[in-house]
C-alpha atoms as a PDB file:
ATOM      1  CA  MET A   1       0.283 116.942 124.967  1.00  0.00           C
ATOM      2  CA  ASP A   2      -0.065 120.713 125.324  1.00  0.00           C
ATOM      3  CA  SER A   3      -3.316 122.517 126.161  1.00  0.00           C
ATOM      4  CA  SER A   4      -3.885 123.585 122.539  1.00  0.00           C
ATOM      5  CA  GLU A   5      -4.440 119.937 121.636  1.00  0.00           C
ATOM      6  CA  THR A   6      -7.285 119.555 124.136  1.00  0.00           C
ATOM      7  CA  GLU A   7      -8.998 122.944 123.876  1.00  0.00           C
ATOM      8  CA  PRO A   8     -11.767 123.487 121.335  1.00  0.00           C
ATOM      9  CA  VAL A   9     -10.604 125.595 118.406  1.00  0.00           C
ATOM     10  CA  SER A  10     -12.951 128.428 119.456  1.00  0.00           C
ATOM     11  CA  TYR A  11     -11.086 128.785 122.800  1.00  0.00           C
ATOM     12  CA  ARG A  12      -7.575 129.105 121.396  1.00  0.00           C
ATOM     13  CA  PHE A  13      -6.072 132.570 121.255  1.00  0.00           C
ATOM     14  CA  GLU A  14      -4.964 133.363 117.712  1.00  0.00           C
ATOM     15  CA  ARG A  15      -3.487 136.776 116.953  1.00  0.00           C
ATOM     16  CA  ARG A  16      -3.530 136.284 113.193  1.00  0.00           C
ATOM     17  CA  ALA A  17      -6.426 137.668 111.192  1.00  0.00           C
ATOM     18  CA  CYS A  18      -6.185 134.882 108.590  1.00  0.00           C
ATOM     19  CA  PRO A  19      -6.212 131.144 109.268  1.00  0.00           C
ATOM     20  CA  ARG A  20      -2.985 129.231 108.577  1.00  0.00           C
ATOM     21  CA  GLU A  21      -2.652 126.026 106.620  1.00  0.00           C
ATOM     22  CA  ARG A  22       0.172 123.553 107.128  1.00  0.00           C
ATOM     23  CA  VAL A  23       2.529 123.318 104.178  1.00  0.00           C
ATOM     24  CA  ARG A  24       5.347 120.862 103.549  1.00  0.00           C
ATOM     25  CA  ALA A  25       7.512 122.110 100.711  1.00  0.00           C
ATOM     26  CA  THR A  26      11.147 122.868 100.052  1.00  0.00           C
ATOM     27  CA  ALA A  27      12.367 125.800  98.024  1.00  0.00           C
ATOM     28  CA  SER A  28      15.207 128.295  97.703  1.00  0.00           C
ATOM     29  CA  ALA A  29      15.154 131.817  99.091  1.00  0.00           C
ATOM     30  CA  VAL A  30      17.168 134.903  98.265  1.00  0.00           C
ATOM     31  CA  TYR A  31      17.332 137.476 101.064  1.00  0.00           C
ATOM     32  CA  ALA A  32      18.762 141.001 101.230  1.00  0.00           C
ATOM     33  CA  ASP A  33      18.782 143.849 103.716  1.00  0.00           C
ATOM     34  CA  GLY A  34      19.357 146.766 101.317  1.00  0.00           C
ATOM     35  CA  ARG A  35      22.751 147.542 102.908  1.00  0.00           C
ATOM     36  CA  GLY A  36      24.812 144.921 101.145  1.00  0.00           C
ATOM     37  CA  ARG A  37      24.025 141.764 103.134  1.00  0.00           C
ATOM     38  CA  ALA A  38      22.438 139.188 100.879  1.00  0.00           C
ATOM     39  CA  GLY A  39      22.353 135.433 100.485  1.00  0.00           C
ATOM     40  CA  LEU A  40      20.780 132.335  99.031  1.00  0.00           C
ATOM     41  CA  THR A  41      19.551 129.526 101.275  1.00  0.00           C
ATOM     42  CA  PRO A  42      17.445 126.377 101.034  1.00  0.00           C
ATOM     43  CA  ILE A  43      14.220 126.665 103.045  1.00  0.00           C
ATOM     44  CA  GLU A  44      11.341 124.526 104.217  1.00  0.00           C
ATOM     45  CA  MET A  45       7.906 126.142 104.073  1.00  0.00           C
ATOM     46  CA  VAL A  46       5.858 125.020 107.101  1.00  0.00           C
ATOM     47  CA  ASP A  47       2.645 127.064 106.998  1.00  0.00           C
ATOM     48  CA  SER A  48       0.850 129.611 104.867  1.00  0.00           C
ATOM     49  CA  SER A  49      -1.987 132.103 105.141  1.00  0.00           C
ATOM     50  CA  THR A  50      -3.395 134.904 103.030  1.00  0.00           C
ATOM     51  CA  GLY A  51      -0.917 137.351 104.568  1.00  0.00           C
ATOM     52  CA  GLY A  52       2.187 135.316 105.184  1.00  0.00           C
ATOM     53  CA  ILE A  53       4.368 132.229 105.134  1.00  0.00           C
ATOM     54  CA  GLY A  54       6.146 130.430 107.961  1.00  0.00           C
ATOM     55  CA  LEU A  55       9.456 128.866 107.014  1.00  0.00           C
ATOM     56  CA  ARG A  56      12.609 127.278 108.410  1.00  0.00           C
ATOM     57  CA  SER A  57      16.035 128.339 107.212  1.00  0.00           C
ATOM     58  CA  ARG A  58      19.624 127.275 107.886  1.00  0.00           C
ATOM     59  CA  CYS A  59      20.634 130.915 108.218  1.00  0.00           C
ATOM     60  CA  ARG A  60      19.267 133.897 110.115  1.00  0.00           C
ATOM     61  CA  ILE A  61      16.946 136.066 108.029  1.00  0.00           C
ATOM     62  CA  GLU A  62      16.480 139.179 110.128  1.00  0.00           C
ATOM     63  CA  PRO A  63      13.237 141.155 110.384  1.00  0.00           C
ATOM     64  CA  GLY A  64      13.078 143.817 107.686  1.00  0.00           C
ATOM     65  CA  MET A  65      14.994 141.780 105.106  1.00  0.00           C
ATOM     66  CA  MET A  66      13.410 141.389 101.681  1.00  0.00           C
ATOM     67  CA  VAL A  67      12.934 137.711 100.765  1.00  0.00           C
ATOM     68  CA  THR A  68      12.141 136.067  97.437  1.00  0.00           C
ATOM     69  CA  ILE A  69      11.170 132.381  97.513  1.00  0.00           C
ATOM     70  CA  PHE A  70      11.664 130.378  94.315  1.00  0.00           C
ATOM     71  CA  HIS A  71       9.720 127.128  94.154  1.00  0.00           C
ATOM     72  CA  GLY A  72       8.609 124.586  91.613  1.00  0.00           C
ATOM     73  CA  SER A  73      10.762 124.671  88.503  1.00  0.00           C
ATOM     74  CA  GLY A  74      12.150 128.083  89.486  1.00  0.00           C
ATOM     75  CA  THR A  75       9.694 129.987  87.313  1.00  0.00           C
ATOM     76  CA  SER A  76       7.361 130.731  90.228  1.00  0.00           C
ATOM     77  CA  TRP A  77       8.231 132.996  93.136  1.00  0.00           C
ATOM     78  CA  ILE A  78       6.823 134.742  96.191  1.00  0.00           C
ATOM     79  CA  GLU A  79       8.147 138.033  97.559  1.00  0.00           C
ATOM     80  CA  GLY A  80       7.833 139.316 101.092  1.00  0.00           C
ATOM     81  CA  VAL A  81       9.452 140.908 104.115  1.00  0.00           C
ATOM     82  CA  ALA A  82      10.727 138.995 107.139  1.00  0.00           C
ATOM     83  CA  VAL A  83       8.778 140.068 110.229  1.00  0.00           C
ATOM     84  CA  ARG A  84      10.305 137.709 112.794  1.00  0.00           C
ATOM     85  CA  CYS A  85      13.160 135.251 113.193  1.00  0.00           C
ATOM     86  CA  ALA A  86      13.747 132.877 116.108  1.00  0.00           C
ATOM     87  CA  ALA A  87      16.186 130.041 116.721  1.00  0.00           C
ATOM     88  CA  ASP A  88      14.612 126.612 116.173  1.00  0.00           C
ATOM     89  CA  GLY A  89      17.263 124.044 117.075  1.00  0.00           C
ATOM     90  CA  GLU A  90      20.052 124.368 114.522  1.00  0.00           C
ATOM     91  CA  ARG A  91      17.773 126.299 112.161  1.00  0.00           C
ATOM     92  CA  PHE A  92      15.745 129.490 112.294  1.00  0.00           C
ATOM     93  CA  ARG A  93      11.978 129.871 112.156  1.00  0.00           C
ATOM     94  CA  VAL A  94      11.120 132.886 109.990  1.00  0.00           C
ATOM     95  CA  GLY A  95       7.795 134.672 109.590  1.00  0.00           C
ATOM     96  CA  LEU A  96       7.382 136.273 106.182  1.00  0.00           C
ATOM     97  CA  ALA A  97       4.692 138.874 105.425  1.00  0.00           C
ATOM     98  CA  VAL A  98       3.607 138.643 101.800  1.00  0.00           C
ATOM     99  CA  GLU A  99       1.389 140.796  99.656  1.00  0.00           C
ATOM    100  CA  ARG A 100      -0.921 138.835  97.414  1.00  0.00           C
ATOM    101  CA  ARG A 101      -1.190 140.326  93.960  1.00  0.00           C
ATOM    102  CA  MET A 102      -4.211 140.069  91.734  1.00  0.00           C
ATOM    103  CA  ALA A 103      -3.698 138.622  88.271  1.00  0.00           C
ATOM    104  CA  ALA A 104      -4.006 141.099  85.416  1.00  0.00           C
END
């Protein structure tokens, strides 16, 4: 058990301005760096907040890459920019900053 499991929520240091919610969903992501490197990979979404999504990917999605996540029947998508990528076993943990758009 780590200390975050025993500390009251008010004592934990959280650098994010928005609270995160755990998510368990699979989807597909298209990523591109604007210089010719692009790809399609299955992903697992692990958490979400107003400003971003945490995901796991089989391939490295480098910070600065544009990412489009297609989920559901493929008619729904989320766009964002990778802000971090770290090895997580045989996969990569990616932080994606997203801009929420208001409906017209």
